[in-house]
Amino acid sequence: MKDFESKFKGFLAEKKLKLTRSRSLILEAVFAMQGHFDAEMLYDRLKDESVSMATVYRTLPLLMEAGLIRLAIRMEGRDRFERTFGHPQHVHWICENCQAVLESGLGSLKSMLHKEAKALKFGIDQINITVGGLCWKCRINENDSQ
């Protein structure tokens, strides 16, 4: 059994819920996907497996509560999720023109945040940093049009 499956199964047992076939398929699809995804993208991957959109929407909060995924960003009116289990914390760089999402490690930011948290007597459970601006491609195009 995979670590993420074991964690989800344990979480569901605590909630007195079962790892149904549909939940298992959704879990597998989430961990097979690269990058950010929304409910519709996940549903598209599972259409051939007879998993309903309603089941996808009901399972996403369970995966979040289990600590396997998190709401990463909201773009174009849709919530985009990402895996957190086995995925290091990072910064999201979002291009405000083309909507590209780039990721980078926290680097020295992490130690600065922990230092600030210690000064505030604050316990960090998660770090979520999103930076908006223009990606290099859009900056070049912006400069070309002037």
N, C-alpha and C. Protein backbone atom coordinates (compact mmCIF):
# COMPACT_ATOMS: atom_id res chain seq x y z
N MET A 1 0.85 -1.19 0.00
CA MET A 1 0.00 0.00 0.00
C MET A 1 0.89 1.25 0.00
N LYS A 2 0.55 2.21 -0.81
CA LYS A 2 1.32 3.44 -0.91
C LYS A 2 1.10 4.29 0.33
N ASP A 3 2.10 5.11 0.67
CA ASP A 3 2.02 5.94 1.87
C ASP A 3 0.80 6.84 1.88
N PHE A 4 0.52 7.49 0.74
CA PHE A 4 -0.62 8.40 0.70
C PHE A 4 -1.94 7.65 0.86
N GLU A 5 -1.98 6.42 0.33
CA GLU A 5 -3.19 5.61 0.46
C GLU A 5 -3.39 5.18 1.91
N SER A 6 -2.31 4.80 2.54
CA SER A 6 -2.36 4.39 3.95
C SER A 6 -2.81 5.55 4.83
N LYS A 7 -2.27 6.74 4.55
CA LYS A 7 -2.66 7.92 5.33
C LYS A 7 -4.15 8.22 5.14
N PHE A 8 -4.63 8.17 3.91
CA PHE A 8 -6.03 8.46 3.64
C PHE A 8 -6.94 7.41 4.27
N LYS A 9 -6.54 6.17 4.17
CA LYS A 9 -7.33 5.08 4.75
C LYS A 9 -7.44 5.25 6.27
N GLY A 10 -6.33 5.61 6.91
CA GLY A 10 -6.35 5.86 8.35
C GLY A 10 -7.24 7.03 8.72
N PHE A 11 -7.15 8.10 7.93
CA PHE A 11 -7.99 9.27 8.16
C PHE A 11 -9.47 8.91 8.04
N LEU A 12 -9.81 8.18 6.97
CA LEU A 12 -11.21 7.79 6.77
C LEU A 12 -11.70 6.90 7.91
N ALA A 13 -10.87 6.00 8.39
CA ALA A 13 -11.25 5.11 9.49
C ALA A 13 -11.58 5.93 10.75
N GLU A 14 -10.78 6.97 11.01
CA GLU A 14 -11.05 7.84 12.16
C GLU A 14 -12.40 8.53 12.02
N LYS A 15 -12.78 8.83 10.80
CA LYS A 15 -14.06 9.49 10.51
C LYS A 15 -15.20 8.47 10.35
N LYS A 16 -14.87 7.19 10.53
CA LYS A 16 -15.83 6.11 10.34
C LYS A 16 -16.39 6.08 8.91
N LEU A 17 -15.47 6.33 7.95
CA LEU A 17 -15.78 6.28 6.53
C LEU A 17 -14.93 5.19 5.88
N LYS A 18 -15.32 4.76 4.70
CA LYS A 18 -14.59 3.71 4.01
C LYS A 18 -13.85 4.26 2.80
N LEU A 19 -12.78 3.57 2.43
CA LEU A 19 -12.07 3.88 1.20
C LEU A 19 -12.82 3.16 0.08
N THR A 20 -13.80 3.84 -0.48
CA THR A 20 -14.61 3.26 -1.56
C THR A 20 -13.79 3.19 -2.85
N ARG A 21 -14.33 2.49 -3.81
CA ARG A 21 -13.66 2.39 -5.11
C ARG A 21 -13.49 3.78 -5.72
N SER A 22 -14.52 4.60 -5.66
CA SER A 22 -14.45 5.96 -6.23
C SER A 22 -13.41 6.81 -5.51
N ARG A 23 -13.40 6.78 -4.20
CA ARG A 23 -12.41 7.55 -3.44
C ARG A 23 -11.00 7.09 -3.77
N SER A 24 -10.84 5.79 -3.90
CA SER A 24 -9.53 5.24 -4.23
C SER A 24 -9.08 5.70 -5.62
N LEU A 25 -9.99 5.69 -6.58
CA LEU A 25 -9.67 6.15 -7.93
C LEU A 25 -9.31 7.64 -7.94
N ILE A 26 -10.05 8.43 -7.18
CA ILE A 26 -9.76 9.86 -7.09
C ILE A 26 -8.40 10.08 -6.47
N LEU A 27 -8.11 9.37 -5.39
CA LEU A 27 -6.81 9.48 -4.72
C LEU A 27 -5.67 9.14 -5.68
N GLU A 28 -5.81 8.04 -6.39
CA GLU A 28 -4.78 7.63 -7.35
C GLU A 28 -4.59 8.68 -8.44
N ALA A 29 -5.70 9.22 -8.94
CA ALA A 29 -5.62 10.24 -9.99
C ALA A 29 -4.92 11.50 -9.49
N VAL A 30 -5.23 11.91 -8.27
CA VAL A 30 -4.58 13.10 -7.69
C VAL A 30 -3.07 12.90 -7.63
N PHE A 31 -2.64 11.74 -7.18
CA PHE A 31 -1.20 11.52 -7.02
C PHE A 31 -0.50 11.15 -8.33
N ALA A 32 -1.28 10.94 -9.37
CA ALA A 32 -0.70 10.71 -10.70
C ALA A 32 -0.54 12.03 -11.46
N MET A 33 -1.27 13.06 -11.02
CA MET A 33 -1.24 14.35 -11.72
C MET A 33 -0.02 15.15 -11.31
N GLN A 34 0.49 15.91 -12.24
CA GLN A 34 1.61 16.81 -11.98
C GLN A 34 1.07 18.23 -11.88
N GLY A 35 1.57 18.97 -10.93
CA GLY A 35 1.19 20.38 -10.83
C GLY A 35 -0.17 20.59 -10.22
N HIS A 36 -0.75 21.73 -10.55
CA HIS A 36 -2.03 22.14 -10.00
C HIS A 36 -3.18 21.56 -10.82
N PHE A 37 -4.29 21.34 -10.14
CA PHE A 37 -5.46 20.79 -10.81
C PHE A 37 -6.72 21.35 -10.17
N ASP A 38 -7.79 21.34 -10.93
CA ASP A 38 -9.08 21.72 -10.37
C ASP A 38 -10.01 20.51 -10.45
N ALA A 39 -11.20 20.65 -9.89
CA ALA A 39 -12.13 19.53 -9.84
C ALA A 39 -12.48 19.02 -11.24
N GLU A 40 -12.63 19.93 -12.19
CA GLU A 40 -12.99 19.53 -13.54
C GLU A 40 -11.87 18.72 -14.21
N MET A 41 -10.62 19.14 -14.00
CA MET A 41 -9.50 18.39 -14.56
C MET A 41 -9.45 16.98 -13.98
N LEU A 42 -9.70 16.88 -12.69
CA LEU A 42 -9.70 15.59 -12.02
C LEU A 42 -10.84 14.72 -12.55
N TYR A 43 -12.00 15.32 -12.69
CA TYR A 43 -13.15 14.60 -13.23
C TYR A 43 -12.87 14.08 -14.64
N ASP A 44 -12.25 14.91 -15.46
CA ASP A 44 -11.93 14.50 -16.83
C ASP A 44 -11.05 13.26 -16.86
N ARG A 45 -10.14 13.17 -15.89
CA ARG A 45 -9.26 11.99 -15.83
C ARG A 45 -10.02 10.74 -15.42
N LEU A 46 -11.17 10.92 -14.76
CA LEU A 46 -11.90 9.79 -14.18
C LEU A 46 -13.20 9.45 -14.90
N LYS A 47 -13.51 10.16 -15.96
CA LYS A 47 -14.78 9.93 -16.66
C LYS A 47 -14.98 8.48 -17.06
N ASP A 48 -13.94 7.84 -17.54
CA ASP A 48 -14.04 6.45 -18.00
C ASP A 48 -14.23 5.47 -16.85
N GLU A 49 -14.03 5.94 -15.62
CA GLU A 49 -14.14 5.07 -14.45
C GLU A 49 -15.50 5.18 -13.76
N SER A 50 -16.42 5.92 -14.37
CA SER A 50 -17.78 6.11 -13.81
C SER A 50 -17.76 6.76 -12.43
N VAL A 51 -16.88 7.73 -12.25
CA VAL A 51 -16.85 8.52 -11.01
C VAL A 51 -17.59 9.81 -11.32
N SER A 52 -18.56 10.13 -10.50
CA SER A 52 -19.37 11.32 -10.75
C SER A 52 -18.65 12.60 -10.30
N MET A 53 -19.07 13.71 -10.90
CA MET A 53 -18.52 15.00 -10.51
C MET A 53 -18.86 15.29 -9.04
N ALA A 54 -20.04 14.90 -8.61
CA ALA A 54 -20.44 15.11 -7.21
C ALA A 54 -19.48 14.37 -6.27
N THR A 55 -19.08 13.17 -6.63
CA THR A 55 -18.15 12.40 -5.79
C THR A 55 -16.79 13.08 -5.75
N VAL A 56 -16.35 13.63 -6.87
CA VAL A 56 -15.09 14.38 -6.90
C VAL A 56 -15.19 15.55 -5.93
N TYR A 57 -16.27 16.33 -6.03
CA TYR A 57 -16.45 17.49 -5.15
C TYR A 57 -16.55 17.10 -3.68
N ARG A 58 -17.17 15.95 -3.39
CA ARG A 58 -17.27 15.51 -1.99
C ARG A 58 -15.95 14.96 -1.46
N THR A 59 -15.10 14.45 -2.34
CA THR A 59 -13.85 13.83 -1.90
C THR A 59 -12.74 14.85 -1.70
N LEU A 60 -12.73 15.92 -2.47
CA LEU A 60 -11.67 16.93 -2.34
C LEU A 60 -11.54 17.47 -0.91
N PRO A 61 -12.63 17.84 -0.23
CA PRO A 61 -12.48 18.30 1.16
C PRO A 61 -11.91 17.22 2.09
N LEU A 62 -12.25 15.96 1.83
CA LEU A 62 -11.70 14.87 2.64
C LEU A 62 -10.18 14.78 2.45
N LEU A 63 -9.74 14.90 1.19
CA LEU A 63 -8.30 14.85 0.91
C LEU A 63 -7.58 16.03 1.55
N MET A 64 -8.25 17.19 1.58
CA MET A 64 -7.66 18.36 2.22
C MET A 64 -7.56 18.15 3.73
N GLU A 65 -8.64 17.69 4.32
CA GLU A 65 -8.66 17.47 5.77
C GLU A 65 -7.65 16.41 6.19
N ALA A 66 -7.41 15.45 5.31
CA ALA A 66 -6.43 14.39 5.60
C ALA A 66 -5.00 14.89 5.45
N GLY A 67 -4.82 16.10 4.91
CA GLY A 67 -3.47 16.65 4.75
C GLY A 67 -2.76 16.15 3.51
N LEU A 68 -3.52 15.67 2.54
CA LEU A 68 -2.91 15.14 1.32
C LEU A 68 -2.85 16.17 0.20
N ILE A 69 -3.81 17.08 0.18
CA ILE A 69 -3.83 18.16 -0.80
C ILE A 69 -4.18 19.46 -0.09
N ARG A 70 -4.01 20.57 -0.80
CA ARG A 70 -4.46 21.84 -0.27
C ARG A 70 -4.93 22.72 -1.42
N LEU A 71 -5.73 23.70 -1.05
CA LEU A 71 -6.14 24.71 -2.01
C LEU A 71 -4.93 25.59 -2.24
N ALA A 72 -4.41 25.59 -3.44
CA ALA A 72 -3.18 26.32 -3.73
C ALA A 72 -3.46 27.74 -4.18
N ILE A 73 -4.34 27.87 -5.17
CA ILE A 73 -4.63 29.18 -5.74
C ILE A 73 -6.05 29.18 -6.30
N ARG A 74 -6.58 30.36 -6.47
CA ARG A 74 -7.87 30.50 -7.15
C ARG A 74 -7.62 31.33 -8.39
N MET A 75 -7.86 30.74 -9.55
CA MET A 75 -7.62 31.41 -10.82
C MET A 75 -8.80 31.20 -11.74
N GLU A 76 -9.15 32.26 -12.44
CA GLU A 76 -10.22 32.19 -13.43
C GLU A 76 -11.50 31.61 -12.83
N GLY A 77 -11.78 31.97 -11.59
CA GLY A 77 -13.00 31.52 -10.92
C GLY A 77 -12.99 30.08 -10.47
N ARG A 78 -11.83 29.43 -10.52
CA ARG A 78 -11.75 28.02 -10.11
C ARG A 78 -10.69 27.83 -9.03
N ASP A 79 -11.03 26.96 -8.08
CA ASP A 79 -10.06 26.58 -7.06
C ASP A 79 -9.10 25.57 -7.67
N ARG A 80 -7.81 25.84 -7.50
CA ARG A 80 -6.77 24.91 -7.98
C ARG A 80 -6.11 24.29 -6.76
N PHE A 81 -5.95 23.01 -6.81
CA PHE A 81 -5.38 22.26 -5.70
C PHE A 81 -3.99 21.75 -6.08
N GLU A 82 -3.26 21.33 -5.05
CA GLU A 82 -1.98 20.66 -5.28
C GLU A 82 -1.75 19.68 -4.15
N ARG A 83 -0.94 18.68 -4.45
CA ARG A 83 -0.58 17.70 -3.42
C ARG A 83 0.32 18.37 -2.39
N THR A 84 0.10 18.04 -1.14
CA THR A 84 1.01 18.51 -0.10
C THR A 84 1.80 17.34 0.47
N PHE A 85 1.21 16.17 0.46
CA PHE A 85 1.88 14.99 0.99
C PHE A 85 3.04 14.62 0.08
N GLY A 86 4.25 14.67 0.61
CA GLY A 86 5.44 14.34 -0.18
C GLY A 86 5.88 15.45 -1.12
N HIS A 87 5.33 16.64 -0.96
CA HIS A 87 5.65 17.77 -1.84
C HIS A 87 6.14 18.92 -0.96
N PRO A 88 7.37 19.40 -1.17
CA PRO A 88 7.90 20.45 -0.29
C PRO A 88 7.15 21.78 -0.44
N GLN A 89 7.17 22.55 0.64
CA GLN A 89 6.56 23.88 0.60
C GLN A 89 7.30 24.74 -0.40
N HIS A 90 6.55 25.67 -1.02
CA HIS A 90 7.15 26.45 -2.09
C HIS A 90 6.38 27.76 -2.30
N VAL A 91 6.91 28.60 -3.16
CA VAL A 91 6.29 29.87 -3.52
C VAL A 91 5.62 29.71 -4.88
N HIS A 92 4.43 30.28 -5.03
CA HIS A 92 3.75 30.33 -6.32
C HIS A 92 3.98 31.71 -6.93
N TRP A 93 4.46 31.74 -8.15
CA TRP A 93 4.66 32.96 -8.92
C TRP A 93 3.63 32.93 -10.04
N ILE A 94 2.64 33.82 -10.01
CA ILE A 94 1.53 33.78 -10.96
C ILE A 94 1.62 34.98 -11.90
N CYS A 95 1.67 34.68 -13.19
CA CYS A 95 1.67 35.73 -14.19
C CYS A 95 0.26 36.28 -14.32
N GLU A 96 0.13 37.57 -14.12
CA GLU A 96 -1.18 38.21 -14.16
C GLU A 96 -1.69 38.39 -15.59
N ASN A 97 -0.83 38.12 -16.57
CA ASN A 97 -1.25 38.25 -17.96
C ASN A 97 -1.66 36.89 -18.54
N CYS A 98 -0.75 35.92 -18.54
CA CYS A 98 -1.03 34.63 -19.18
C CYS A 98 -1.50 33.56 -18.20
N GLN A 99 -1.51 33.87 -16.91
CA GLN A 99 -1.95 32.96 -15.85
C GLN A 99 -1.01 31.78 -15.60
N ALA A 100 0.22 31.85 -16.14
CA ALA A 100 1.19 30.78 -15.87
C ALA A 100 1.49 30.75 -14.38
N VAL A 101 1.70 29.56 -13.85
CA VAL A 101 2.05 29.40 -12.44
C VAL A 101 3.42 28.73 -12.38
N LEU A 102 4.38 29.43 -11.81
CA LEU A 102 5.72 28.90 -11.61
C LEU A 102 5.89 28.63 -10.13
N GLU A 103 6.75 27.70 -9.80
CA GLU A 103 7.02 27.38 -8.40
C GLU A 103 8.51 27.45 -8.15
N SER A 104 8.85 27.87 -6.93
CA SER A 104 10.24 27.81 -6.50
C SER A 104 10.26 27.46 -5.02
N GLY A 105 11.37 26.93 -4.56
CA GLY A 105 11.52 26.60 -3.15
C GLY A 105 11.49 27.85 -2.29
N LEU A 106 11.33 27.65 -1.01
CA LEU A 106 11.28 28.78 -0.09
C LEU A 106 12.66 29.38 0.18
N GLY A 107 13.69 28.57 0.02
CA GLY A 107 15.05 29.08 0.24
C GLY A 107 15.19 29.79 1.57
N SER A 108 15.78 30.97 1.55
CA SER A 108 16.04 31.72 2.78
C SER A 108 14.76 32.29 3.40
N LEU A 109 13.67 32.33 2.62
CA LEU A 109 12.41 32.83 3.17
C LEU A 109 11.94 31.98 4.35
N LYS A 110 12.17 30.68 4.27
CA LYS A 110 11.69 29.78 5.32
C LYS A 110 12.31 30.12 6.67
N SER A 111 13.62 30.34 6.69
CA SER A 111 14.27 30.67 7.96
C SER A 111 13.81 32.03 8.47
N MET A 112 13.59 32.98 7.55
CA MET A 112 13.10 34.30 7.96
C MET A 112 11.69 34.18 8.55
N LEU A 113 10.84 33.38 7.95
CA LEU A 113 9.49 33.21 8.44
C LEU A 113 9.48 32.52 9.81
N HIS A 114 10.33 31.52 9.98
CA HIS A 114 10.40 30.83 11.27
C HIS A 114 10.95 31.75 12.36
N LYS A 115 11.90 32.59 12.00
CA LYS A 115 12.44 33.56 12.95
C LYS A 115 11.36 34.55 13.38
N GLU A 116 10.61 35.04 12.41
CA GLU A 116 9.52 35.98 12.71
C GLU A 116 8.44 35.30 13.54
N ALA A 117 8.12 34.06 13.22
CA ALA A 117 7.11 33.31 13.97
C ALA A 117 7.55 33.13 15.42
N LYS A 118 8.82 32.84 15.61
CA LYS A 118 9.34 32.67 16.97
C LYS A 118 9.20 33.96 17.76
N ALA A 119 9.51 35.09 17.12
CA ALA A 119 9.39 36.39 17.79
C ALA A 119 7.94 36.68 18.16
N LEU A 120 7.01 36.21 17.34
CA LEU A 120 5.58 36.42 17.60
C LEU A 120 4.97 35.32 18.47
N LYS A 121 5.80 34.33 18.84
CA LYS A 121 5.33 33.17 19.59
C LYS A 121 4.19 32.48 18.82
N PHE A 122 4.44 32.29 17.53
CA PHE A 122 3.46 31.74 16.62
C PHE A 122 3.96 30.40 16.09
N GLY A 123 3.11 29.38 16.12
CA GLY A 123 3.47 28.07 15.60
C GLY A 123 3.01 27.92 14.15
N ILE A 124 3.93 27.73 13.25
CA ILE A 124 3.60 27.60 11.82
C ILE A 124 3.16 26.18 11.51
N ASP A 125 1.98 26.06 10.92
CA ASP A 125 1.49 24.77 10.44
C ASP A 125 1.68 24.64 8.94
N GLN A 126 1.53 25.76 8.25
CA GLN A 126 1.69 25.74 6.80
C GLN A 126 2.16 27.10 6.33
N ILE A 127 2.79 27.10 5.19
CA ILE A 127 3.25 28.34 4.56
C ILE A 127 2.65 28.38 3.17
N ASN A 128 2.01 29.50 2.84
CA ASN A 128 1.37 29.66 1.54
C ASN A 128 1.73 31.04 1.01
N ILE A 129 2.66 31.11 0.06
CA ILE A 129 3.10 32.39 -0.48
C ILE A 129 2.80 32.42 -1.98
N THR A 130 2.09 33.47 -2.38
CA THR A 130 1.76 33.68 -3.78
C THR A 130 2.22 35.07 -4.18
N VAL A 131 2.95 35.15 -5.29
CA VAL A 131 3.46 36.41 -5.79
C VAL A 131 2.88 36.63 -7.18
N GLY A 132 2.31 37.80 -7.40
CA GLY A 132 1.74 38.13 -8.70
C GLY A 132 2.66 39.09 -9.45
N GLY A 133 2.64 39.00 -10.76
CA GLY A 133 3.45 39.86 -11.61
C GLY A 133 3.39 39.38 -13.04
N LEU A 134 4.43 39.64 -13.80
CA LEU A 134 4.50 39.20 -15.18
C LEU A 134 5.66 38.23 -15.37
N CYS A 135 5.40 37.13 -16.06
CA CYS A 135 6.46 36.17 -16.36
C CYS A 135 7.39 36.78 -17.41
N TRP A 136 8.51 36.15 -17.63
CA TRP A 136 9.50 36.70 -18.56
C TRP A 136 8.94 36.81 -19.98
N LYS A 137 8.11 35.84 -20.41
CA LYS A 137 7.55 35.91 -21.76
C LYS A 137 6.64 37.12 -21.92
N CYS A 138 5.78 37.34 -20.95
CA CYS A 138 4.85 38.47 -21.03
C CYS A 138 5.58 39.80 -20.89
N ARG A 139 6.67 39.83 -20.12
CA ARG A 139 7.45 41.06 -20.00
C ARG A 139 8.11 41.39 -21.33
N ILE A 140 8.62 40.35 -22.03
CA ILE A 140 9.23 40.58 -23.34
C ILE A 140 8.18 41.10 -24.31
N ASN A 141 7.01 40.45 -24.34
CA ASN A 141 5.93 40.89 -25.23
C ASN A 141 5.47 42.30 -24.90
N GLU A 142 5.45 42.65 -23.63
CA GLU A 142 5.05 43.98 -23.21
C GLU A 142 6.05 45.01 -23.71
N ASN A 143 7.34 44.67 -23.63
CA ASN A 143 8.39 45.58 -24.09
C ASN A 143 8.39 45.70 -25.62
N ASP A 144 8.06 44.62 -26.32
CA ASP A 144 8.01 44.64 -27.78
C ASP A 144 6.89 45.53 -28.31
N SER A 145 5.80 45.62 -27.55
CA SER A 145 4.64 46.37 -28.03
C SER A 145 4.76 47.87 -27.76
N GLN A 146 5.83 48.30 -27.13
CA GLN A 146 5.99 49.73 -26.83
C GLN A 146 6.81 50.43 -27.89
